[in-house]
Structures are given as C-alpha cells and as structure tokens.
Full PDB file with SEQRES, HELIX, SHEET, SSBOND, CRYST1, ORIGX, SCALE, CONECT and MASTER records, all heavy atoms in Angstrom:
SEQRES   1 A   44  SER LEU THR PHE SER PHE CYS LEU MET LEU GLU ILE ILE          
SEQRES   2 A   44  PRO SER ILE ALA THR GLN SER LEU SER VAL VAL ARG SER          
SEQRES   3 A   44  VAL ASN GLU LEU GLY VAL SER SER ILE ALA ALA GLY THR          
SEQRES   4 A   44  VAL LEU ALA VAL LEU                                          
HELIX    1 AA1 LEU A    2  VAL A   27  1                                  26    
HELIX    2 AA2 SER A   34  VAL A   43  1                                  10    
CRYST1    1.000    1.000    1.000  90.00  90.00  90.00 P 1           1          
ORIGX1      1.000000  0.000000  0.000000        0.00000                         
ORIGX2      0.000000  1.000000  0.000000        0.00000                         
ORIGX3      0.000000  0.000000  1.000000        0.00000                         
SCALE1      1.000000  0.000000  0.000000        0.00000                         
SCALE2      0.000000  1.000000  0.000000        0.00000                         
SCALE3      0.000000  0.000000  1.000000        0.00000                         
ATOM      1  N   SER A   1       7.829 -18.756 -21.414  1.00  0.00           N  
ATOM      2  CA  SER A   1       7.030 -17.579 -20.906  1.00  0.00           C  
ATOM      3  C   SER A   1       5.944 -18.000 -19.926  1.00  0.00           C  
ATOM      4  O   SER A   1       5.634 -17.340 -18.948  1.00  0.00           O  
ATOM      5  CB  SER A   1       6.388 -16.776 -22.197  1.00  0.00           C  
ATOM      6  OG  SER A   1       5.394 -17.639 -22.726  1.00  0.00           O  
ATOM      7  N   LEU A   2       5.278 -19.072 -20.213  1.00  0.00           N  
ATOM      8  CA  LEU A   2       4.284 -19.777 -19.252  1.00  0.00           C  
ATOM      9  C   LEU A   2       4.825 -20.119 -18.068  1.00  0.00           C  
ATOM     10  O   LEU A   2       4.289 -19.862 -16.891  1.00  0.00           O  
ATOM     11  CB  LEU A   2       3.675 -20.826 -19.985  1.00  0.00           C  
ATOM     12  CG  LEU A   2       2.659 -20.516 -21.269  1.00  0.00           C  
ATOM     13  CD1 LEU A   2       2.162 -21.854 -21.748  1.00  0.00           C  
ATOM     14  CD2 LEU A   2       1.525 -19.668 -20.817  1.00  0.00           C  
ATOM     15  N   THR A   3       6.053 -20.703 -18.016  1.00  0.00           N  
ATOM     16  CA  THR A   3       6.667 -21.075 -16.741  1.00  0.00           C  
ATOM     17  C   THR A   3       7.075 -19.852 -15.958  1.00  0.00           C  
ATOM     18  O   THR A   3       6.767 -19.817 -14.703  1.00  0.00           O  
ATOM     19  CB  THR A   3       8.056 -21.946 -17.085  1.00  0.00           C  
ATOM     20  OG1 THR A   3       7.568 -23.111 -17.757  1.00  0.00           O  
ATOM     21  CG2 THR A   3       8.702 -22.359 -15.766  1.00  0.00           C  
ATOM     22  N   PHE A   4       7.656 -18.848 -16.561  1.00  0.00           N  
ATOM     23  CA  PHE A   4       8.136 -17.616 -15.963  1.00  0.00           C  
ATOM     24  C   PHE A   4       6.829 -17.055 -15.182  1.00  0.00           C  
ATOM     25  O   PHE A   4       6.790 -16.671 -13.998  1.00  0.00           O  
ATOM     26  CB  PHE A   4       8.746 -16.665 -16.827  1.00  0.00           C  
ATOM     27  CG  PHE A   4       8.900 -15.316 -16.144  1.00  0.00           C  
ATOM     28  CD1 PHE A   4      10.109 -14.999 -15.516  1.00  0.00           C  
ATOM     29  CD2 PHE A   4       7.968 -14.305 -16.247  1.00  0.00           C  
ATOM     30  CE1 PHE A   4      10.391 -13.818 -14.987  1.00  0.00           C  
ATOM     31  CE2 PHE A   4       8.133 -13.090 -15.637  1.00  0.00           C  
ATOM     32  CZ  PHE A   4       9.367 -12.836 -15.037  1.00  0.00           C  
ATOM     33  N   SER A   5       5.779 -16.903 -16.005  1.00  0.00           N  
ATOM     34  CA  SER A   5       4.671 -16.128 -15.651  1.00  0.00           C  
ATOM     35  C   SER A   5       3.821 -16.889 -14.438  1.00  0.00           C  
ATOM     36  O   SER A   5       3.300 -16.272 -13.540  1.00  0.00           O  
ATOM     37  CB  SER A   5       3.778 -15.755 -16.957  1.00  0.00           C  
ATOM     38  OG  SER A   5       2.797 -14.818 -16.508  1.00  0.00           O  
ATOM     39  N   PHE A   6       3.524 -18.087 -14.659  1.00  0.00           N  
ATOM     40  CA  PHE A   6       2.888 -18.994 -13.763  1.00  0.00           C  
ATOM     41  C   PHE A   6       3.606 -18.995 -12.382  1.00  0.00           C  
ATOM     42  O   PHE A   6       2.905 -18.848 -11.205  1.00  0.00           O  
ATOM     43  CB  PHE A   6       2.529 -20.296 -14.306  1.00  0.00           C  
ATOM     44  CG  PHE A   6       1.666 -21.116 -13.375  1.00  0.00           C  
ATOM     45  CD1 PHE A   6       0.246 -20.866 -13.278  1.00  0.00           C  
ATOM     46  CD2 PHE A   6       2.189 -22.333 -12.752  1.00  0.00           C  
ATOM     47  CE1 PHE A   6      -0.561 -21.600 -12.507  1.00  0.00           C  
ATOM     48  CE2 PHE A   6       1.440 -23.017 -11.877  1.00  0.00           C  
ATOM     49  CZ  PHE A   6       0.014 -22.706 -11.747  1.00  0.00           C  
ATOM     50  N   CYS A   7       4.896 -19.230 -12.406  1.00  0.00           N  
ATOM     51  CA  CYS A   7       5.646 -19.331 -11.166  1.00  0.00           C  
ATOM     52  C   CYS A   7       5.812 -18.097 -10.477  1.00  0.00           C  
ATOM     53  O   CYS A   7       5.687 -17.990  -9.264  1.00  0.00           O  
ATOM     54  CB  CYS A   7       6.944 -19.948 -11.500  1.00  0.00           C  
ATOM     55  SG  CYS A   7       7.081 -21.589 -11.977  1.00  0.00           S  
ATOM     56  N   LEU A   8       5.893 -16.927 -11.187  1.00  0.00           N  
ATOM     57  CA  LEU A   8       6.074 -15.613 -10.562  1.00  0.00           C  
ATOM     58  C   LEU A   8       4.522 -15.284  -9.900  1.00  0.00           C  
ATOM     59  O   LEU A   8       4.524 -14.805  -8.841  1.00  0.00           O  
ATOM     60  CB  LEU A   8       6.384 -14.588 -11.584  1.00  0.00           C  
ATOM     61  CG  LEU A   8       6.563 -13.154 -10.867  1.00  0.00           C  
ATOM     62  CD1 LEU A   8       7.559 -13.221  -9.830  1.00  0.00           C  
ATOM     63  CD2 LEU A   8       6.954 -12.170 -12.053  1.00  0.00           C  
ATOM     64  N   MET A   9       3.508 -15.599 -10.607  1.00  0.00           N  
ATOM     65  CA  MET A   9       2.175 -15.344 -10.147  1.00  0.00           C  
ATOM     66  C   MET A   9       1.953 -16.093  -8.859  1.00  0.00           C  
ATOM     67  O   MET A   9       1.391 -15.409  -7.803  1.00  0.00           O  
ATOM     68  CB  MET A   9       1.204 -15.751 -11.105  1.00  0.00           C  
ATOM     69  CG  MET A   9      -0.332 -15.491 -10.718  1.00  0.00           C  
ATOM     70  SD  MET A   9      -1.576 -15.977 -11.886  1.00  0.00           S  
ATOM     71  CE  MET A   9      -1.540 -17.825 -11.480  1.00  0.00           C  
ATOM     72  N   LEU A  10       2.482 -17.221  -8.603  1.00  0.00           N  
ATOM     73  CA  LEU A  10       2.291 -18.009  -7.443  1.00  0.00           C  
ATOM     74  C   LEU A  10       3.243 -17.529  -6.423  1.00  0.00           C  
ATOM     75  O   LEU A  10       3.077 -17.425  -5.143  1.00  0.00           O  
ATOM     76  CB  LEU A  10       2.500 -19.458  -7.704  1.00  0.00           C  
ATOM     77  CG  LEU A  10       1.409 -20.227  -8.487  1.00  0.00           C  
ATOM     78  CD1 LEU A  10       1.743 -21.681  -8.656  1.00  0.00           C  
ATOM     79  CD2 LEU A  10      -0.059 -20.012  -7.939  1.00  0.00           C  
ATOM     80  N   GLU A  11       4.476 -17.339  -6.810  1.00  0.00           N  
ATOM     81  CA  GLU A  11       5.609 -16.859  -5.835  1.00  0.00           C  
ATOM     82  C   GLU A  11       5.201 -15.685  -5.123  1.00  0.00           C  
ATOM     83  O   GLU A  11       5.682 -15.391  -3.903  1.00  0.00           O  
ATOM     84  CB  GLU A  11       6.868 -16.700  -6.637  1.00  0.00           C  
ATOM     85  CG  GLU A  11       8.234 -16.610  -5.853  1.00  0.00           C  
ATOM     86  CD  GLU A  11       8.373 -15.016  -5.386  1.00  0.00           C  
ATOM     87  OE1 GLU A  11       7.954 -14.220  -5.972  1.00  0.00           O  
ATOM     88  OE2 GLU A  11       9.277 -14.922  -4.408  1.00  0.00           O  
ATOM     89  N   ILE A  12       4.473 -14.780  -5.764  1.00  0.00           N  
ATOM     90  CA  ILE A  12       4.151 -13.495  -5.155  1.00  0.00           C  
ATOM     91  C   ILE A  12       3.335 -13.751  -3.809  1.00  0.00           C  
ATOM     92  O   ILE A  12       3.487 -12.842  -2.848  1.00  0.00           O  
ATOM     93  CB  ILE A  12       3.398 -12.568  -6.079  1.00  0.00           C  
ATOM     94  CG1 ILE A  12       4.161 -12.188  -7.330  1.00  0.00           C  
ATOM     95  CG2 ILE A  12       2.754 -11.379  -5.392  1.00  0.00           C  
ATOM     96  CD1 ILE A  12       5.325 -11.315  -7.054  1.00  0.00           C  
ATOM     97  N   ILE A  13       2.524 -14.664  -3.860  1.00  0.00           N  
ATOM     98  CA  ILE A  13       1.725 -14.931  -2.526  1.00  0.00           C  
ATOM     99  C   ILE A  13       2.474 -15.103  -1.346  1.00  0.00           C  
ATOM    100  O   ILE A  13       2.367 -14.405  -0.311  1.00  0.00           O  
ATOM    101  CB  ILE A  13       0.754 -16.102  -2.891  1.00  0.00           C  
ATOM    102  CG1 ILE A  13      -0.218 -15.671  -3.887  1.00  0.00           C  
ATOM    103  CG2 ILE A  13      -0.092 -16.382  -1.554  1.00  0.00           C  
ATOM    104  CD1 ILE A  13      -1.164 -16.905  -4.369  1.00  0.00           C  
ATOM    105  N   PRO A  14       3.325 -16.139  -1.291  1.00  0.00           N  
ATOM    106  CA  PRO A  14       4.174 -16.314   0.051  1.00  0.00           C  
ATOM    107  C   PRO A  14       5.213 -15.098   0.167  1.00  0.00           C  
ATOM    108  O   PRO A  14       5.486 -14.737   1.220  1.00  0.00           O  
ATOM    109  CB  PRO A  14       4.924 -17.687  -0.224  1.00  0.00           C  
ATOM    110  CG  PRO A  14       4.898 -17.842  -1.660  1.00  0.00           C  
ATOM    111  CD  PRO A  14       3.699 -17.261  -2.262  1.00  0.00           C  
ATOM    112  N   SER A  15       5.637 -14.489  -0.937  1.00  0.00           N  
ATOM    113  CA  SER A  15       6.521 -13.416  -0.779  1.00  0.00           C  
ATOM    114  C   SER A  15       5.898 -12.215  -0.071  1.00  0.00           C  
ATOM    115  O   SER A  15       6.521 -11.599   0.807  1.00  0.00           O  
ATOM    116  CB  SER A  15       6.979 -13.009  -2.182  1.00  0.00           C  
ATOM    117  OG  SER A  15       8.050 -12.082  -2.083  1.00  0.00           O  
ATOM    118  N   ILE A  16       4.636 -11.948  -0.460  1.00  0.00           N  
ATOM    119  CA  ILE A  16       3.922 -10.817   0.228  1.00  0.00           C  
ATOM    120  C   ILE A  16       3.622 -11.208   1.719  1.00  0.00           C  
ATOM    121  O   ILE A  16       3.799 -10.310   2.537  1.00  0.00           O  
ATOM    122  CB  ILE A  16       2.519 -10.608  -0.516  1.00  0.00           C  
ATOM    123  CG1 ILE A  16       2.859  -9.861  -1.920  1.00  0.00           C  
ATOM    124  CG2 ILE A  16       1.632  -9.834   0.286  1.00  0.00           C  
ATOM    125  CD1 ILE A  16       1.627  -9.621  -2.766  1.00  0.00           C  
ATOM    126  N   ALA A  17       3.347 -12.571   1.917  1.00  0.00           N  
ATOM    127  CA  ALA A  17       3.012 -12.852   3.322  1.00  0.00           C  
ATOM    128  C   ALA A  17       4.275 -12.830   4.097  1.00  0.00           C  
ATOM    129  O   ALA A  17       4.166 -12.422   5.280  1.00  0.00           O  
ATOM    130  CB  ALA A  17       2.364 -14.361   3.266  1.00  0.00           C  
ATOM    131  N   THR A  18       5.268 -13.132   3.621  1.00  0.00           N  
ATOM    132  CA  THR A  18       6.633 -13.056   4.306  1.00  0.00           C  
ATOM    133  C   THR A  18       7.002 -11.549   4.625  1.00  0.00           C  
ATOM    134  O   THR A  18       7.452 -11.195   5.677  1.00  0.00           O  
ATOM    135  CB  THR A  18       7.818 -13.602   3.373  1.00  0.00           C  
ATOM    136  OG1 THR A  18       7.475 -14.960   3.173  1.00  0.00           O  
ATOM    137  CG2 THR A  18       9.130 -13.708   4.234  1.00  0.00           C  
ATOM    138  N   GLN A  19       6.758 -10.753   3.668  1.00  0.00           N  
ATOM    139  CA  GLN A  19       7.012  -9.320   3.822  1.00  0.00           C  
ATOM    140  C   GLN A  19       6.160  -8.846   4.867  1.00  0.00           C  
ATOM    141  O   GLN A  19       6.503  -7.937   5.749  1.00  0.00           O  
ATOM    142  CB  GLN A  19       6.930  -8.590   2.568  1.00  0.00           C  
ATOM    143  CG  GLN A  19       7.857  -8.865   1.374  1.00  0.00           C  
ATOM    144  CD  GLN A  19       9.239  -8.291   1.628  1.00  0.00           C  
ATOM    145  OE1 GLN A  19       9.436  -7.331   2.287  1.00  0.00           O  
ATOM    146  NE2 GLN A  19      10.180  -8.705   0.849  1.00  0.00           N  
ATOM    147  N   SER A  20       4.752  -9.170   4.924  1.00  0.00           N  
ATOM    148  CA  SER A  20       3.951  -8.646   5.798  1.00  0.00           C  
ATOM    149  C   SER A  20       4.281  -9.023   7.228  1.00  0.00           C  
ATOM    150  O   SER A  20       4.172  -8.318   8.127  1.00  0.00           O  
ATOM    151  CB  SER A  20       2.438  -9.103   5.403  1.00  0.00           C  
ATOM    152  OG  SER A  20       1.495  -8.784   6.314  1.00  0.00           O  
ATOM    153  N   LEU A  21       4.632 -10.386   7.248  1.00  0.00           N  
ATOM    154  CA  LEU A  21       4.989 -10.839   8.758  1.00  0.00           C  
ATOM    155  C   LEU A  21       6.215 -10.042   9.265  1.00  0.00           C  
ATOM    156  O   LEU A  21       6.293  -9.780  10.486  1.00  0.00           O  
ATOM    157  CB  LEU A  21       5.397 -12.368   8.616  1.00  0.00           C  
ATOM    158  CG  LEU A  21       5.694 -13.051   9.862  1.00  0.00           C  
ATOM    159  CD1 LEU A  21       4.471 -12.997  10.822  1.00  0.00           C  
ATOM    160  CD2 LEU A  21       5.984 -14.527   9.599  1.00  0.00           C  
ATOM    161  N   SER A  22       7.259  -9.830   8.401  1.00  0.00           N  
ATOM    162  CA  SER A  22       8.415  -8.996   8.870  1.00  0.00           C  
ATOM    163  C   SER A  22       7.937  -7.587   9.419  1.00  0.00           C  
ATOM    164  O   SER A  22       8.564  -7.189  10.342  1.00  0.00           O  
ATOM    165  CB  SER A  22       9.373  -8.824   7.732  1.00  0.00           C  
ATOM    166  OG  SER A  22       8.940  -7.915   6.698  1.00  0.00           O  
ATOM    167  N   VAL A  23       6.981  -6.905   8.710  1.00  0.00           N  
ATOM    168  CA  VAL A  23       6.458  -5.650   9.293  1.00  0.00           C  
ATOM    169  C   VAL A  23       5.837  -5.840  10.591  1.00  0.00           C  
ATOM    170  O   VAL A  23       6.126  -5.152  11.592  1.00  0.00           O  
ATOM    171  CB  VAL A  23       5.485  -5.096   8.256  1.00  0.00           C  
ATOM    172  CG1 VAL A  23       4.740  -3.834   9.010  1.00  0.00           C  
ATOM    173  CG2 VAL A  23       6.247  -4.596   7.043  1.00  0.00           C  
ATOM    174  N   VAL A  24       5.006  -6.886  10.789  1.00  0.00           N  
ATOM    175  CA  VAL A  24       4.247  -7.090  11.893  1.00  0.00           C  
ATOM    176  C   VAL A  24       5.260  -7.397  13.166  1.00  0.00           C  
ATOM    177  O   VAL A  24       5.064  -6.825  14.162  1.00  0.00           O  
ATOM    178  CB  VAL A  24       3.313  -8.359  11.764  1.00  0.00           C  
ATOM    179  CG1 VAL A  24       2.685  -8.751  13.185  1.00  0.00           C  
ATOM    180  CG2 VAL A  24       2.139  -7.958  10.811  1.00  0.00           C  
ATOM    181  N   ARG A  25       6.172  -8.196  12.862  1.00  0.00           N  
ATOM    182  CA  ARG A  25       7.169  -8.435  14.007  1.00  0.00           C  
ATOM    183  C   ARG A  25       7.902  -7.359  14.273  1.00  0.00           C  
ATOM    184  O   ARG A  25       8.305  -7.046  15.517  1.00  0.00           O  
ATOM    185  CB  ARG A  25       8.166  -9.518  13.495  1.00  0.00           C  
ATOM    186  CG  ARG A  25       7.561 -10.919  13.443  1.00  0.00           C  
ATOM    187  CD  ARG A  25       8.539 -11.895  12.768  1.00  0.00           C  
ATOM    188  NE  ARG A  25       7.933 -13.304  12.817  1.00  0.00           N  
ATOM    189  CZ  ARG A  25       8.498 -14.440  12.255  1.00  0.00           C  
ATOM    190  NH1 ARG A  25       9.659 -14.246  11.646  1.00  0.00           N  
ATOM    191  NH2 ARG A  25       7.953 -15.544  12.311  1.00  0.00           N  
ATOM    192  N   SER A  26       8.245  -6.349  13.443  1.00  0.00           N  
ATOM    193  CA  SER A  26       8.841  -5.088  13.681  1.00  0.00           C  
ATOM    194  C   SER A  26       8.021  -4.115  14.579  1.00  0.00           C  
ATOM    195  O   SER A  26       8.474  -3.622  15.587  1.00  0.00           O  
ATOM    196  CB  SER A  26       9.269  -4.392  12.428  1.00  0.00           C  
ATOM    197  OG  SER A  26       9.971  -3.191  12.754  1.00  0.00           O  
ATOM    198  N   VAL A  27       6.718  -3.905  14.118  1.00  0.00           N  
ATOM    199  CA  VAL A  27       5.943  -3.000  14.860  1.00  0.00           C  
ATOM    200  C   VAL A  27       5.272  -3.546  16.135  1.00  0.00           C  
ATOM    201  O   VAL A  27       4.920  -2.860  16.980  1.00  0.00           O  
ATOM    202  CB  VAL A  27       4.783  -2.554  14.037  1.00  0.00           C  
ATOM    203  CG1 VAL A  27       5.207  -1.706  12.809  1.00  0.00           C  
ATOM    204  CG2 VAL A  27       3.752  -3.642  13.592  1.00  0.00           C  
ATOM    205  N   ASN A  28       5.467  -4.981  16.363  1.00  0.00           N  
ATOM    206  CA  ASN A  28       5.022  -5.590  17.534  1.00  0.00           C  
ATOM    207  C   ASN A  28       5.819  -5.113  18.794  1.00  0.00           C  
ATOM    208  O   ASN A  28       5.451  -4.954  19.831  1.00  0.00           O  
ATOM    209  CB  ASN A  28       5.088  -7.175  17.568  1.00  0.00           C  
ATOM    210  CG  ASN A  28       3.966  -7.743  16.688  1.00  0.00           C  
ATOM    211  OD1 ASN A  28       4.071  -8.943  16.358  1.00  0.00           O  
ATOM    212  ND2 ASN A  28       2.872  -7.109  16.561  1.00  0.00           N  
ATOM    213  N   GLU A  29       7.071  -4.835  18.301  1.00  0.00           N  
ATOM    214  CA  GLU A  29       8.012  -4.246  19.395  1.00  0.00           C  
ATOM    215  C   GLU A  29       7.684  -2.971  19.820  1.00  0.00           C  
ATOM    216  O   GLU A  29       8.072  -2.414  20.922  1.00  0.00           O  
ATOM    217  CB  GLU A  29       9.480  -4.326  18.799  1.00  0.00           C  
ATOM    218  CG  GLU A  29       9.985  -5.733  18.487  1.00  0.00           C  
ATOM    219  CD  GLU A  29      11.428  -5.640  17.832  1.00  0.00           C  
ATOM    220  OE1 GLU A  29      11.916  -4.553  17.964  1.00  0.00           O  
ATOM    221  OE2 GLU A  29      11.875  -6.695  17.566  1.00  0.00           O  
ATOM    222  N   LEU A  30       6.741  -2.318  18.962  1.00  0.00           N  
ATOM    223  CA  LEU A  30       6.326  -0.847  19.494  1.00  0.00           C  
ATOM    224  C   LEU A  30       5.014  -0.967  20.139  1.00  0.00           C  
ATOM    225  O   LEU A  30       4.458   0.020  20.333  1.00  0.00           O  
ATOM    226  CB  LEU A  30       6.285   0.065  18.214  1.00  0.00           C  
ATOM    227  CG  LEU A  30       7.562   0.103  17.408  1.00  0.00           C  
ATOM    228  CD1 LEU A  30       7.334   1.034  16.177  1.00  0.00           C  
ATOM    229  CD2 LEU A  30       8.814   0.772  18.294  1.00  0.00           C  
ATOM    230  N   GLY A  31       4.456  -2.159  20.372  1.00  0.00           N  
ATOM    231  CA  GLY A  31       3.261  -2.340  20.993  1.00  0.00           C  
ATOM    232  C   GLY A  31       2.029  -2.542  20.235  1.00  0.00           C  
ATOM    233  O   GLY A  31       0.835  -2.401  20.612  1.00  0.00           O  
ATOM    234  N   VAL A  32       2.167  -2.567  18.879  1.00  0.00           N  
ATOM    235  CA  VAL A  32       1.091  -2.735  17.914  1.00  0.00           C  
ATOM    236  C   VAL A  32       0.784  -4.210  17.733  1.00  0.00           C  
ATOM    237  O   VAL A  32       1.524  -4.923  17.429  1.00  0.00           O  
ATOM    238  CB  VAL A  32       1.419  -2.023  16.586  1.00  0.00           C  
ATOM    239  CG1 VAL A  32       0.166  -2.082  15.663  1.00  0.00           C  
ATOM    240  CG2 VAL A  32       1.875  -0.631  16.811  1.00  0.00           C  
ATOM    241  N   SER A  33      -0.473  -4.475  17.775  1.00  0.00           N  
ATOM    242  CA  SER A  33      -0.992  -5.938  17.710  1.00  0.00           C  
ATOM    243  C   SER A  33      -0.819  -6.401  16.245  1.00  0.00           C  
ATOM    244  O   SER A  33      -0.887  -5.580  15.270  1.00  0.00           O  
ATOM    245  CB  SER A  33      -2.450  -6.036  18.136  1.00  0.00           C  
ATOM    246  OG  SER A  33      -3.382  -5.431  17.227  1.00  0.00           O  
ATOM    247  N   SER A  34      -0.765  -7.677  16.045  1.00  0.00           N  
ATOM    248  CA  SER A  34      -0.629  -8.253  14.670  1.00  0.00           C  
ATOM    249  C   SER A  34      -1.946  -7.952  13.845  1.00  0.00           C  
ATOM    250  O   SER A  34      -1.775  -7.684  12.685  1.00  0.00           O  
ATOM    251  CB  SER A  34      -0.445  -9.773  14.875  1.00  0.00           C  
ATOM    252  OG  SER A  34       0.803 -10.015  15.370  1.00  0.00           O  
ATOM    253  N   ILE A  35      -3.232  -8.110  14.436  1.00  0.00           N  
ATOM    254  CA  ILE A  35      -4.327  -7.862  13.730  1.00  0.00           C  
ATOM    255  C   ILE A  35      -4.460  -6.309  13.226  1.00  0.00           C  
ATOM    256  O   ILE A  35      -4.748  -6.142  12.124  1.00  0.00           O  
ATOM    257  CB  ILE A  35      -5.596  -8.254  14.671  1.00  0.00           C  
ATOM    258  CG1 ILE A  35      -5.704  -9.665  14.816  1.00  0.00           C  
ATOM    259  CG2 ILE A  35      -6.941  -7.769  13.963  1.00  0.00           C  
ATOM    260  CD1 ILE A  35      -6.786 -10.106  15.821  1.00  0.00           C  
ATOM    261  N   ALA A  36      -4.091  -5.520  14.053  1.00  0.00           N  
ATOM    262  CA  ALA A  36      -4.214  -4.075  13.925  1.00  0.00           C  
ATOM    263  C   ALA A  36      -3.064  -3.709  12.726  1.00  0.00           C  
ATOM    264  O   ALA A  36      -3.470  -3.042  11.667  1.00  0.00           O  
ATOM    265  CB  ALA A  36      -3.829  -3.229  15.005  1.00  0.00           C  
ATOM    266  N   ALA A  37      -1.986  -4.302  12.880  1.00  0.00           N  
ATOM    267  CA  ALA A  37      -0.916  -3.886  11.871  1.00  0.00           C  
ATOM    268  C   ALA A  37      -1.326  -4.642  10.484  1.00  0.00           C  
ATOM    269  O   ALA A  37      -1.262  -3.838   9.531  1.00  0.00           O  
ATOM    270  CB  ALA A  37       0.448  -4.638  12.346  1.00  0.00           C  
ATOM    271  N   GLY A  38      -1.765  -5.871  10.486  1.00  0.00           N  
ATOM    272  CA  GLY A  38      -2.168  -6.495   9.316  1.00  0.00           C  
ATOM    273  C   GLY A  38      -3.322  -5.705   8.582  1.00  0.00           C  
ATOM    274  O   GLY A  38      -3.282  -5.623   7.310  1.00  0.00           O  
ATOM    275  N   THR A  39      -4.254  -5.313   9.266  1.00  0.00           N  
ATOM    276  CA  THR A  39      -5.368  -4.612   8.821  1.00  0.00           C  
ATOM    277  C   THR A  39      -4.994  -3.252   8.158  1.00  0.00           C  
ATOM    278  O   THR A  39      -5.318  -2.905   6.957  1.00  0.00           O  
ATOM    279  CB  THR A  39      -6.539  -4.385   9.894  1.00  0.00           C  
ATOM    280  OG1 THR A  39      -6.828  -5.463  10.339  1.00  0.00           O  
ATOM    281  CG2 THR A  39      -7.681  -3.453   9.355  1.00  0.00           C  
ATOM    282  N   VAL A  40      -4.204  -2.552   8.855  1.00  0.00           N  
ATOM    283  CA  VAL A  40      -3.701  -1.118   8.400  1.00  0.00           C  
ATOM    284  C   VAL A  40      -2.884  -1.387   7.104  1.00  0.00           C  
ATOM    285  O   VAL A  40      -3.072  -0.539   6.067  1.00  0.00           O  
ATOM    286  CB  VAL A  40      -2.985  -0.463   9.446  1.00  0.00           C  
ATOM    287  CG1 VAL A  40      -2.373   0.819   8.893  1.00  0.00           C  
ATOM    288  CG2 VAL A  40      -3.950  -0.067  10.605  1.00  0.00           C  
ATOM    289  N   LEU A  41      -1.940  -2.342   7.111  1.00  0.00           N  
ATOM    290  CA  LEU A  41      -1.025  -2.582   6.009  1.00  0.00           C  
ATOM    291  C   LEU A  41      -1.935  -2.966   4.830  1.00  0.00           C  
ATOM    292  O   LEU A  41      -1.663  -2.455   3.635  1.00  0.00           O  
ATOM    293  CB  LEU A  41      -0.204  -3.706   6.527  1.00  0.00           C  
ATOM    294  CG  LEU A  41       0.978  -4.120   5.359  1.00  0.00           C  
ATOM    295  CD1 LEU A  41       1.765  -2.827   5.106  1.00  0.00           C  
ATOM    296  CD2 LEU A  41       1.827  -5.134   5.869  1.00  0.00           C  
ATOM    297  N   ALA A  42      -2.843  -3.842   4.988  1.00  0.00           N  
ATOM    298  CA  ALA A  42      -3.693  -4.274   3.866  1.00  0.00           C  
ATOM    299  C   ALA A  42      -4.546  -3.196   3.253  1.00  0.00           C  
ATOM    300  O   ALA A  42      -4.669  -3.032   2.074  1.00  0.00           O  
ATOM    301  CB  ALA A  42      -4.598  -5.331   4.308  1.00  0.00           C  
ATOM    302  N   VAL A  43      -5.022  -2.192   4.021  1.00  0.00           N  
ATOM    303  CA  VAL A  43      -5.893  -1.141   3.675  1.00  0.00           C  
ATOM    304  C   VAL A  43      -5.020  -0.122   2.942  1.00  0.00           C  
ATOM    305  O   VAL A  43      -5.409   0.428   1.785  1.00  0.00           O  
ATOM    306  CB  VAL A  43      -6.480  -0.429   4.784  1.00  0.00           C  
ATOM    307  CG1 VAL A  43      -7.174   0.843   4.357  1.00  0.00           C  
ATOM    308  CG2 VAL A  43      -7.608  -1.395   5.425  1.00  0.00           C  
ATOM    309  N   LEU A  44      -3.824   0.208   3.512  1.00  0.00           N  
ATOM    310  CA  LEU A  44      -2.964   1.119   2.778  1.00  0.00           C  
ATOM    311  C   LEU A  44      -2.440   0.579   1.386  1.00  0.00           C  
ATOM    312  O   LEU A  44      -2.507   1.444   0.406  1.00  0.00           O  
ATOM    313  CB  LEU A  44      -1.649   1.285   3.750  1.00  0.00           C  
ATOM    314  CG  LEU A  44      -1.798   2.159   4.877  1.00  0.00           C  
ATOM    315  CD1 LEU A  44      -0.457   2.185   5.781  1.00  0.00           C  
ATOM    316  CD2 LEU A  44      -2.426   3.510   4.610  1.00  0.00           C  
TER     317      LEU A  44                                                      
MASTER        0    0    0    2    0    0    0    6  316    1    0    4          
END                                                                             
C-alpha cells in the first residue's frame, strides 16, 4: 500500500506536466503563447 501510494503521488507530478505541455503545444498552433496557456489552464 505504501509503495502504491507513494509512487502514484510522485508519478502524478510529471504526468500532469506532460499533459499540460501537450495542451500548450496544441494551442500554440492557434497563436496562443505558452505563458498564457499555462496560466489559464492552471486557473481553470
């Protein structure tokens, strides 16, 4: 239980960052800056 929980707690950090980066790269093609996209995404 400790292994599952601790590893998942840590795994979520790079997983969220990876997901966030994929959104930014997608909306960059629509002319939205990375800072603006990251800010809006974090707030939402």
